[in-house]
């Protein structure tokens, strides 16, 4: 009976150790898969446009959203975006919040918000939301070009994706 008990105890230890090894490896596997997926979208600027109508169906404002994943730390992207907005004489920086890495800008009656989010230590996402009166291109169209320049300032290659 002690031999049987010893074998059962040994099997339990081996099984427990195996579960602990697998449990420890799963988060790494999930993160590795996420990084692999992210690598396929790095540098691809995606955008979407929505027209907002009033109650009568007349176009009022156009809103556009653009995003790009960058293989650069969020703090670096935020620093470059802050420098670019501060030196652009055509826009007014309405607010700049380092804690949330959010920059609000204005040019005439057009508004835009830039938001940088850390995805991991060396990868970030830049999201730009712009709005303009109906019939005008929102600032985001111009900011997408600026985002492409920002990629260049970071030494990264970006391109507008197929929408």
N, C-alpha and C. Protein backbone atom coordinates (compact mmCIF):
# COMPACT_ATOMS: atom_id res chain seq x y z
N UNK A 1 0.81 -1.18 0.00
CA UNK A 1 0.00 0.00 0.00
C UNK A 1 0.86 1.26 0.00
N UNK A 2 1.98 1.26 0.65
CA UNK A 2 2.83 2.44 0.66
C UNK A 2 3.41 2.69 -0.73
N UNK A 3 3.70 1.62 -1.49
CA UNK A 3 4.19 1.77 -2.87
C UNK A 3 3.10 2.42 -3.73
N UNK A 4 1.85 2.01 -3.55
CA UNK A 4 0.73 2.57 -4.30
C UNK A 4 0.55 4.05 -3.92
N UNK A 5 0.64 4.36 -2.64
CA UNK A 5 0.52 5.72 -2.15
C UNK A 5 1.66 6.58 -2.70
N UNK A 6 2.87 6.03 -2.73
CA UNK A 6 4.03 6.75 -3.24
C UNK A 6 3.87 7.07 -4.72
N UNK A 7 3.38 6.09 -5.53
CA UNK A 7 3.15 6.30 -6.96
C UNK A 7 2.09 7.37 -7.20
N UNK A 8 1.00 7.35 -6.41
CA UNK A 8 -0.06 8.33 -6.54
C UNK A 8 0.47 9.72 -6.18
N UNK A 9 1.27 9.79 -5.14
CA UNK A 9 1.86 11.06 -4.72
C UNK A 9 2.81 11.59 -5.81
N UNK A 10 3.58 10.70 -6.39
CA UNK A 10 4.52 11.08 -7.45
C UNK A 10 3.76 11.59 -8.68
N UNK A 11 2.69 10.90 -9.06
CA UNK A 11 1.86 11.32 -10.20
C UNK A 11 1.25 12.69 -9.91
N UNK A 12 0.78 12.90 -8.70
CA UNK A 12 0.19 14.19 -8.33
C UNK A 12 1.21 15.31 -8.43
N UNK A 13 2.44 15.04 -7.96
CA UNK A 13 3.49 16.06 -8.05
C UNK A 13 3.83 16.38 -9.50
N UNK A 14 3.96 15.37 -10.33
CA UNK A 14 4.29 15.58 -11.74
C UNK A 14 3.17 16.34 -12.43
N UNK A 15 1.92 15.95 -12.15
CA UNK A 15 0.78 16.62 -12.75
C UNK A 15 0.71 18.08 -12.30
N UNK A 16 0.92 18.32 -11.01
CA UNK A 16 0.91 19.68 -10.48
C UNK A 16 2.00 20.54 -11.10
N UNK A 17 3.19 19.98 -11.23
CA UNK A 17 4.29 20.72 -11.84
C UNK A 17 4.00 21.03 -13.30
N UNK A 18 3.40 20.08 -14.01
CA UNK A 18 3.06 20.29 -15.42
C UNK A 18 2.03 21.41 -15.57
N UNK A 19 1.04 21.41 -14.70
CA UNK A 19 0.02 22.47 -14.76
C UNK A 19 0.65 23.82 -14.49
N UNK A 20 1.55 23.89 -13.52
CA UNK A 20 2.20 25.16 -13.20
C UNK A 20 3.05 25.66 -14.37
N UNK A 21 3.75 24.76 -15.03
CA UNK A 21 4.57 25.15 -16.19
C UNK A 21 3.69 25.65 -17.31
N UNK A 22 2.60 24.95 -17.60
CA UNK A 22 1.68 25.38 -18.66
C UNK A 22 1.01 26.70 -18.30
N UNK A 23 0.59 26.86 -17.07
CA UNK A 23 -0.06 28.10 -16.65
C UNK A 23 0.91 29.28 -16.78
N UNK A 24 2.15 29.05 -16.48
CA UNK A 24 3.14 30.12 -16.61
C UNK A 24 3.43 30.46 -18.06
N UNK A 25 3.32 29.49 -18.95
CA UNK A 25 3.63 29.71 -20.37
C UNK A 25 2.46 30.33 -21.12
N UNK A 26 1.24 30.13 -20.67
CA UNK A 26 0.08 30.64 -21.41
C UNK A 26 0.07 32.15 -21.55
N UNK A 27 0.33 32.94 -20.51
CA UNK A 27 0.34 34.39 -20.71
C UNK A 27 1.38 34.82 -21.73
N UNK A 28 2.53 34.18 -21.73
CA UNK A 28 3.56 34.51 -22.72
C UNK A 28 3.09 34.18 -24.12
N UNK A 29 2.42 33.04 -24.26
CA UNK A 29 1.90 32.64 -25.56
C UNK A 29 0.86 33.63 -26.05
N UNK A 30 -0.06 34.02 -25.17
CA UNK A 30 -1.09 34.98 -25.55
C UNK A 30 -0.47 36.32 -25.94
N UNK A 31 0.51 36.80 -25.16
CA UNK A 31 1.16 38.07 -25.48
C UNK A 31 1.93 37.95 -26.79
N UNK A 32 2.59 36.83 -27.01
CA UNK A 32 3.34 36.63 -28.25
C UNK A 32 2.39 36.66 -29.45
N UNK A 33 1.22 36.05 -29.31
CA UNK A 33 0.25 36.08 -30.40
C UNK A 33 -0.24 37.50 -30.65
N UNK A 34 -0.48 38.26 -29.56
CA UNK A 34 -0.94 39.62 -29.70
C UNK A 34 0.12 40.46 -30.42
N UNK A 35 1.37 40.29 -30.04
CA UNK A 35 2.46 41.04 -30.67
C UNK A 35 2.55 40.67 -32.15
N UNK A 36 2.37 39.39 -32.47
CA UNK A 36 2.41 38.96 -33.87
C UNK A 36 1.30 39.63 -34.67
N UNK A 37 0.11 39.69 -34.11
CA UNK A 37 -1.00 40.35 -34.80
C UNK A 37 -0.70 41.84 -34.94
N UNK A 38 -0.23 42.46 -33.88
CA UNK A 38 0.06 43.90 -33.92
C UNK A 38 1.11 44.21 -34.97
N UNK A 39 2.09 43.37 -35.13
CA UNK A 39 3.15 43.61 -36.12
C UNK A 39 2.58 43.73 -37.53
N UNK A 40 1.44 43.08 -37.80
CA UNK A 40 0.84 43.16 -39.13
C UNK A 40 0.11 44.48 -39.38
N UNK A 41 -0.19 45.22 -38.32
CA UNK A 41 -0.90 46.49 -38.48
C UNK A 41 -0.02 47.70 -38.18
N UNK A 42 1.19 47.48 -37.76
CA UNK A 42 2.10 48.59 -37.44
C UNK A 42 2.29 49.46 -38.68
N UNK A 43 2.11 50.75 -38.49
CA UNK A 43 2.36 51.70 -39.56
C UNK A 43 1.23 51.85 -40.56
N UNK A 44 0.14 51.14 -40.36
CA UNK A 44 -1.00 51.23 -41.28
C UNK A 44 -2.00 52.23 -40.72
N UNK A 45 -2.16 53.37 -41.39
CA UNK A 45 -3.10 54.40 -40.97
C UNK A 45 -4.48 54.02 -41.50
N UNK A 46 -5.42 53.82 -40.59
CA UNK A 46 -6.80 53.50 -40.95
C UNK A 46 -7.67 54.70 -40.62
N UNK A 47 -8.69 54.96 -41.45
CA UNK A 47 -9.56 56.10 -41.19
C UNK A 47 -11.00 55.79 -41.56
N UNK A 48 -11.91 56.50 -40.91
CA UNK A 48 -13.33 56.36 -41.19
C UNK A 48 -13.96 57.73 -41.04
N UNK A 49 -14.96 58.02 -41.88
CA UNK A 49 -15.62 59.31 -41.88
C UNK A 49 -17.12 59.12 -41.64
N UNK A 50 -17.71 60.02 -40.84
CA UNK A 50 -19.14 59.98 -40.59
C UNK A 50 -19.70 61.39 -40.75
N UNK A 51 -20.81 61.49 -41.47
CA UNK A 51 -21.48 62.77 -41.64
C UNK A 51 -22.64 62.84 -40.66
N UNK A 52 -22.75 63.94 -39.94
CA UNK A 52 -23.84 64.11 -38.98
C UNK A 52 -24.85 65.08 -39.56
N UNK A 53 -26.11 64.64 -39.63
CA UNK A 53 -27.18 65.45 -40.18
C UNK A 53 -28.04 66.02 -39.05
N UNK A 54 -28.71 67.15 -39.34
CA UNK A 54 -29.67 67.68 -38.38
C UNK A 54 -31.00 66.95 -38.55
N UNK A 55 -32.02 67.36 -37.82
CA UNK A 55 -33.32 66.69 -37.85
C UNK A 55 -33.94 66.71 -39.24
N UNK A 56 -33.65 67.72 -40.03
CA UNK A 56 -34.20 67.83 -41.38
C UNK A 56 -33.41 67.02 -42.40
N UNK A 57 -32.32 66.39 -41.96
CA UNK A 57 -31.50 65.59 -42.86
C UNK A 57 -30.42 66.37 -43.57
N UNK A 58 -30.25 67.63 -43.20
CA UNK A 58 -29.23 68.47 -43.80
C UNK A 58 -27.89 68.21 -43.11
N UNK A 59 -26.84 67.99 -43.89
CA UNK A 59 -25.53 67.74 -43.28
C UNK A 59 -25.09 68.92 -42.41
N UNK A 60 -24.61 68.62 -41.20
CA UNK A 60 -24.16 69.64 -40.27
C UNK A 60 -22.65 69.62 -40.08
N UNK A 61 -22.13 68.46 -39.71
CA UNK A 61 -20.69 68.33 -39.46
C UNK A 61 -20.22 66.99 -40.01
N UNK A 62 -18.94 66.96 -40.30
CA UNK A 62 -18.28 65.74 -40.73
C UNK A 62 -17.26 65.39 -39.65
N UNK A 63 -17.28 64.13 -39.22
CA UNK A 63 -16.31 63.66 -38.23
C UNK A 63 -15.49 62.55 -38.85
N UNK A 64 -14.21 62.60 -38.64
CA UNK A 64 -13.32 61.58 -39.18
C UNK A 64 -12.41 61.09 -38.08
N UNK A 65 -12.17 59.77 -38.07
CA UNK A 65 -11.29 59.15 -37.09
C UNK A 65 -10.18 58.44 -37.86
N UNK A 66 -8.95 58.62 -37.40
CA UNK A 66 -7.81 57.93 -37.99
C UNK A 66 -7.00 57.30 -36.86
N UNK A 67 -6.47 56.10 -37.09
CA UNK A 67 -5.63 55.43 -36.11
C UNK A 67 -4.40 54.85 -36.79
N UNK A 68 -3.33 54.75 -36.03
CA UNK A 68 -2.13 54.08 -36.52
C UNK A 68 -1.42 53.47 -35.31
N UNK A 69 -0.99 52.22 -35.46
CA UNK A 69 -0.19 51.54 -34.44
C UNK A 69 1.27 51.76 -34.80
N UNK A 70 2.06 52.19 -33.81
CA UNK A 70 3.47 52.49 -34.05
C UNK A 70 4.35 51.63 -33.15
N UNK A 71 5.43 51.14 -33.71
CA UNK A 71 6.38 50.38 -32.89
C UNK A 71 7.38 51.36 -32.27
N UNK A 72 6.82 52.19 -31.38
CA UNK A 72 7.59 53.18 -30.65
C UNK A 72 6.91 53.38 -29.29
N UNK A 73 7.68 53.68 -28.26
CA UNK A 73 7.07 53.91 -26.95
C UNK A 73 6.10 55.10 -26.99
N UNK A 74 5.01 54.99 -26.26
CA UNK A 74 3.98 56.03 -26.25
C UNK A 74 4.55 57.39 -25.82
N UNK A 75 5.44 57.41 -24.85
CA UNK A 75 6.02 58.69 -24.40
C UNK A 75 6.77 59.38 -25.53
N UNK A 76 7.46 58.61 -26.34
CA UNK A 76 8.21 59.19 -27.47
C UNK A 76 7.23 59.73 -28.52
N UNK A 77 6.18 58.97 -28.83
CA UNK A 77 5.18 59.42 -29.81
C UNK A 77 4.51 60.70 -29.31
N UNK A 78 4.16 60.73 -28.03
CA UNK A 78 3.53 61.92 -27.44
C UNK A 78 4.46 63.13 -27.52
N UNK A 79 5.74 62.92 -27.22
CA UNK A 79 6.72 64.00 -27.27
C UNK A 79 6.83 64.58 -28.68
N UNK A 80 6.91 63.71 -29.68
CA UNK A 80 7.02 64.17 -31.07
C UNK A 80 5.73 64.87 -31.50
N UNK A 81 4.56 64.33 -31.12
CA UNK A 81 3.28 64.95 -31.46
C UNK A 81 3.15 66.32 -30.79
N UNK A 82 3.57 66.43 -29.55
CA UNK A 82 3.53 67.71 -28.84
C UNK A 82 4.42 68.74 -29.53
N UNK A 83 5.62 68.34 -29.89
CA UNK A 83 6.53 69.25 -30.59
C UNK A 83 5.93 69.69 -31.93
N UNK A 84 5.34 68.75 -32.66
CA UNK A 84 4.76 69.07 -33.97
C UNK A 84 3.59 70.04 -33.84
N UNK A 85 2.72 69.83 -32.86
CA UNK A 85 1.57 70.73 -32.70
C UNK A 85 1.99 72.09 -32.16
N UNK A 86 2.98 72.12 -31.30
CA UNK A 86 3.44 73.40 -30.74
C UNK A 86 4.14 74.27 -31.77
N UNK A 87 4.77 73.67 -32.76
CA UNK A 87 5.52 74.45 -33.76
C UNK A 87 4.70 74.75 -35.01
N UNK A 88 3.49 74.19 -35.12
CA UNK A 88 2.64 74.44 -36.28
C UNK A 88 1.91 75.77 -36.08
N UNK A 89 2.26 76.78 -36.88
CA UNK A 89 1.68 78.12 -36.74
C UNK A 89 0.24 78.20 -37.25
N UNK A 90 -0.23 77.20 -37.97
CA UNK A 90 -1.58 77.24 -38.53
C UNK A 90 -2.66 76.77 -37.55
N UNK A 91 -2.25 76.16 -36.45
CA UNK A 91 -3.22 75.63 -35.49
C UNK A 91 -3.00 76.25 -34.11
N UNK A 92 -4.03 76.13 -33.29
CA UNK A 92 -3.95 76.55 -31.89
C UNK A 92 -4.09 75.31 -31.03
N UNK A 93 -3.16 75.13 -30.11
CA UNK A 93 -3.27 74.02 -29.16
C UNK A 93 -4.22 74.49 -28.07
N UNK A 94 -5.40 73.85 -28.01
CA UNK A 94 -6.42 74.20 -27.03
C UNK A 94 -6.04 73.64 -25.67
N UNK A 95 -5.59 72.38 -25.65
CA UNK A 95 -5.13 71.77 -24.41
C UNK A 95 -4.16 70.65 -24.73
N UNK A 96 -3.31 70.36 -23.76
CA UNK A 96 -2.32 69.30 -23.90
C UNK A 96 -2.16 68.67 -22.52
N UNK A 97 -2.60 67.41 -22.39
CA UNK A 97 -2.59 66.73 -21.09
C UNK A 97 -1.59 65.59 -21.10
N UNK A 98 -0.41 65.78 -20.50
CA UNK A 98 0.60 64.72 -20.48
C UNK A 98 0.14 63.46 -19.75
N UNK A 99 -0.72 63.60 -18.74
CA UNK A 99 -1.17 62.43 -17.97
C UNK A 99 -1.97 61.46 -18.83
N UNK A 100 -2.80 61.99 -19.72
CA UNK A 100 -3.62 61.14 -20.60
C UNK A 100 -3.06 61.07 -22.02
N UNK A 101 -1.96 61.80 -22.26
CA UNK A 101 -1.35 61.89 -23.59
C UNK A 101 -2.38 62.29 -24.65
N UNK A 102 -3.11 63.36 -24.34
CA UNK A 102 -4.17 63.87 -25.22
C UNK A 102 -3.87 65.31 -25.58
N UNK A 103 -4.00 65.63 -26.87
CA UNK A 103 -3.77 66.99 -27.37
C UNK A 103 -5.01 67.42 -28.14
N UNK A 104 -5.60 68.55 -27.76
CA UNK A 104 -6.75 69.11 -28.47
C UNK A 104 -6.28 70.34 -29.24
N UNK A 105 -6.62 70.40 -30.51
CA UNK A 105 -6.19 71.52 -31.35
C UNK A 105 -7.38 72.11 -32.09
N UNK A 106 -7.20 73.34 -32.58
CA UNK A 106 -8.24 74.05 -33.33
C UNK A 106 -7.59 74.81 -34.46
N UNK A 107 -8.31 74.82 -35.57
CA UNK A 107 -7.95 75.69 -36.69
C UNK A 107 -9.26 76.24 -37.23
N UNK A 108 -9.49 77.53 -37.02
CA UNK A 108 -10.75 78.19 -37.38
C UNK A 108 -11.90 77.44 -36.70
N UNK A 109 -12.86 76.93 -37.48
CA UNK A 109 -14.00 76.23 -36.88
C UNK A 109 -13.82 74.71 -36.92
N UNK A 110 -12.61 74.26 -37.14
CA UNK A 110 -12.32 72.82 -37.16
C UNK A 110 -11.59 72.44 -35.89
N UNK A 111 -11.96 71.27 -35.35
CA UNK A 111 -11.37 70.77 -34.12
C UNK A 111 -10.76 69.40 -34.37
N UNK A 112 -9.76 69.06 -33.57
CA UNK A 112 -9.18 67.72 -33.63
C UNK A 112 -8.61 67.36 -32.27
N UNK A 113 -8.63 66.06 -31.98
CA UNK A 113 -8.04 65.53 -30.75
C UNK A 113 -7.08 64.42 -31.14
N UNK A 114 -5.87 64.48 -30.60
CA UNK A 114 -4.89 63.40 -30.78
C UNK A 114 -4.75 62.70 -29.44
N UNK A 115 -4.80 61.38 -29.47
CA UNK A 115 -4.68 60.58 -28.25
C UNK A 115 -3.66 59.48 -28.50
N UNK A 116 -2.66 59.41 -27.65
CA UNK A 116 -1.63 58.38 -27.75
C UNK A 116 -1.85 57.40 -26.60
N UNK A 117 -1.86 56.11 -26.92
CA UNK A 117 -2.07 55.06 -25.93
C UNK A 117 -0.93 54.06 -26.01
N UNK A 118 -0.38 53.69 -24.86
CA UNK A 118 0.65 52.65 -24.81
C UNK A 118 -0.02 51.29 -24.95
N UNK A 119 0.42 50.50 -25.90
CA UNK A 119 -0.08 49.13 -26.07
C UNK A 119 0.80 48.15 -25.31
N UNK A 120 2.07 48.43 -25.29
CA UNK A 120 3.03 47.74 -24.43
C UNK A 120 4.25 48.66 -24.32
N UNK A 121 5.33 48.16 -23.81
CA UNK A 121 6.51 49.00 -23.54
C UNK A 121 7.03 49.72 -24.80
N UNK A 122 7.00 49.06 -25.94
CA UNK A 122 7.59 49.62 -27.16
C UNK A 122 6.60 49.76 -28.30
N UNK A 123 5.31 49.74 -28.01
CA UNK A 123 4.30 49.85 -29.06
C UNK A 123 3.18 50.76 -28.57
N UNK A 124 2.69 51.62 -29.47
CA UNK A 124 1.65 52.56 -29.08
C UNK A 124 0.66 52.75 -30.22
N UNK A 125 -0.45 53.38 -29.89
CA UNK A 125 -1.47 53.70 -30.88
C UNK A 125 -1.72 55.19 -30.86
N UNK A 126 -1.75 55.80 -32.03
CA UNK A 126 -2.11 57.20 -32.18
C UNK A 126 -3.52 57.22 -32.77
N UNK A 127 -4.45 57.88 -32.08
CA UNK A 127 -5.81 58.03 -32.59
C UNK A 127 -6.08 59.51 -32.77
N UNK A 128 -6.67 59.87 -33.91
CA UNK A 128 -6.98 61.26 -34.21
C UNK A 128 -8.46 61.34 -34.56
N UNK A 129 -9.18 62.25 -33.90
CA UNK A 129 -10.59 62.49 -34.20
C UNK A 129 -10.70 63.95 -34.58
N UNK A 130 -11.25 64.21 -35.77
CA UNK A 130 -11.40 65.58 -36.23
C UNK A 130 -12.82 65.83 -36.70
N UNK A 131 -13.27 67.08 -36.59
CA UNK A 131 -14.60 67.43 -37.08
C UNK A 131 -14.52 68.78 -37.79
N UNK A 132 -15.43 68.93 -38.75
CA UNK A 132 -15.49 70.16 -39.54
C UNK A 132 -16.93 70.38 -39.98
N UNK A 133 -17.28 71.61 -40.33
CA UNK A 133 -18.62 71.86 -40.88
C UNK A 133 -18.83 71.06 -42.16
N UNK A 134 -20.07 70.74 -42.46
CA UNK A 134 -20.39 69.97 -43.67
C UNK A 134 -19.82 70.67 -44.89
N UNK A 135 -19.32 69.89 -45.81
CA UNK A 135 -18.75 70.43 -47.04
C UNK A 135 -17.26 70.72 -46.94
N UNK A 136 -16.70 70.65 -45.75
CA UNK A 136 -15.26 70.87 -45.56
C UNK A 136 -14.61 69.56 -45.13
N UNK A 137 -13.37 69.40 -45.52
CA UNK A 137 -12.62 68.25 -45.04
C UNK A 137 -12.23 68.49 -43.59
N UNK A 138 -12.47 67.51 -42.73
CA UNK A 138 -12.03 67.70 -41.34
C UNK A 138 -10.52 67.77 -41.25
N UNK A 139 -10.04 68.34 -40.15
CA UNK A 139 -8.60 68.45 -39.94
C UNK A 139 -7.93 67.10 -40.00
N UNK A 140 -8.68 66.05 -39.70
CA UNK A 140 -8.07 64.72 -39.67
C UNK A 140 -7.41 64.41 -41.01
N UNK A 141 -8.01 64.86 -42.11
CA UNK A 141 -7.41 64.59 -43.41
C UNK A 141 -6.00 65.17 -43.46
N UNK A 142 -5.87 66.41 -42.98
CA UNK A 142 -4.55 67.02 -42.92
C UNK A 142 -3.69 66.36 -41.85
N UNK A 143 -4.32 65.94 -40.77
CA UNK A 143 -3.55 65.35 -39.67
C UNK A 143 -3.06 63.96 -40.05
N UNK A 144 -3.80 63.26 -40.92
CA UNK A 144 -3.29 61.97 -41.40
C UNK A 144 -1.95 62.21 -42.09
N UNK A 145 -1.88 63.26 -42.89
CA UNK A 145 -0.59 63.61 -43.50
C UNK A 145 0.43 63.95 -42.43
N UNK A 146 -0.01 64.65 -41.39
CA UNK A 146 0.89 64.96 -40.29
C UNK A 146 1.31 63.69 -39.55
N UNK A 147 0.39 62.74 -39.41
CA UNK A 147 0.72 61.46 -38.77
C UNK A 147 1.78 60.73 -39.58
N UNK A 148 1.66 60.81 -40.90
CA UNK A 148 2.67 60.19 -41.76
C UNK A 148 4.03 60.88 -41.56
N UNK A 149 4.00 62.22 -41.42
CA UNK A 149 5.24 62.95 -41.13
C UNK A 149 5.78 62.58 -39.76
N UNK A 150 4.87 62.43 -38.78
CA UNK A 150 5.26 62.04 -37.43
C UNK A 150 5.96 60.67 -37.47
N UNK A 151 5.43 59.77 -38.28
CA UNK A 151 6.10 58.47 -38.45
C UNK A 151 7.53 58.67 -38.93
N UNK A 152 7.69 59.56 -39.90
CA UNK A 152 9.03 59.85 -40.41
C UNK A 152 9.93 60.44 -39.34
N UNK A 153 9.35 61.35 -38.52
CA UNK A 153 10.13 61.94 -37.42
C UNK A 153 10.58 60.88 -36.42
N UNK A 154 9.79 59.83 -36.29
CA UNK A 154 10.13 58.74 -35.39
C UNK A 154 11.04 57.70 -36.06
N UNK A 155 11.32 57.90 -37.35
CA UNK A 155 12.13 56.94 -38.10
C UNK A 155 11.35 55.69 -38.48
N UNK A 156 10.01 55.84 -38.57
CA UNK A 156 9.13 54.71 -38.89
C UNK A 156 8.52 54.92 -40.26
N UNK A 157 8.15 53.84 -40.90
CA UNK A 157 7.46 53.91 -42.18
C UNK A 157 5.99 53.60 -41.97
N UNK A 158 5.13 54.54 -42.38
CA UNK A 158 3.68 54.35 -42.28
C UNK A 158 3.06 54.59 -43.64
N UNK A 159 1.89 54.02 -43.81
CA UNK A 159 1.16 54.22 -45.06
C UNK A 159 -0.33 54.19 -44.77
N UNK A 160 -1.12 54.86 -45.60
CA UNK A 160 -2.56 54.84 -45.45
C UNK A 160 -3.06 53.48 -45.90
N UNK A 161 -3.83 52.83 -45.02
CA UNK A 161 -4.36 51.49 -45.33
C UNK A 161 -5.56 51.55 -46.23
N UNK A 162 -5.92 50.40 -46.76
CA UNK A 162 -7.13 50.29 -47.58
C UNK A 162 -8.34 50.30 -46.64
N UNK A 163 -9.23 51.25 -46.85
CA UNK A 163 -10.39 51.36 -45.97
C UNK A 163 -11.60 50.72 -46.57
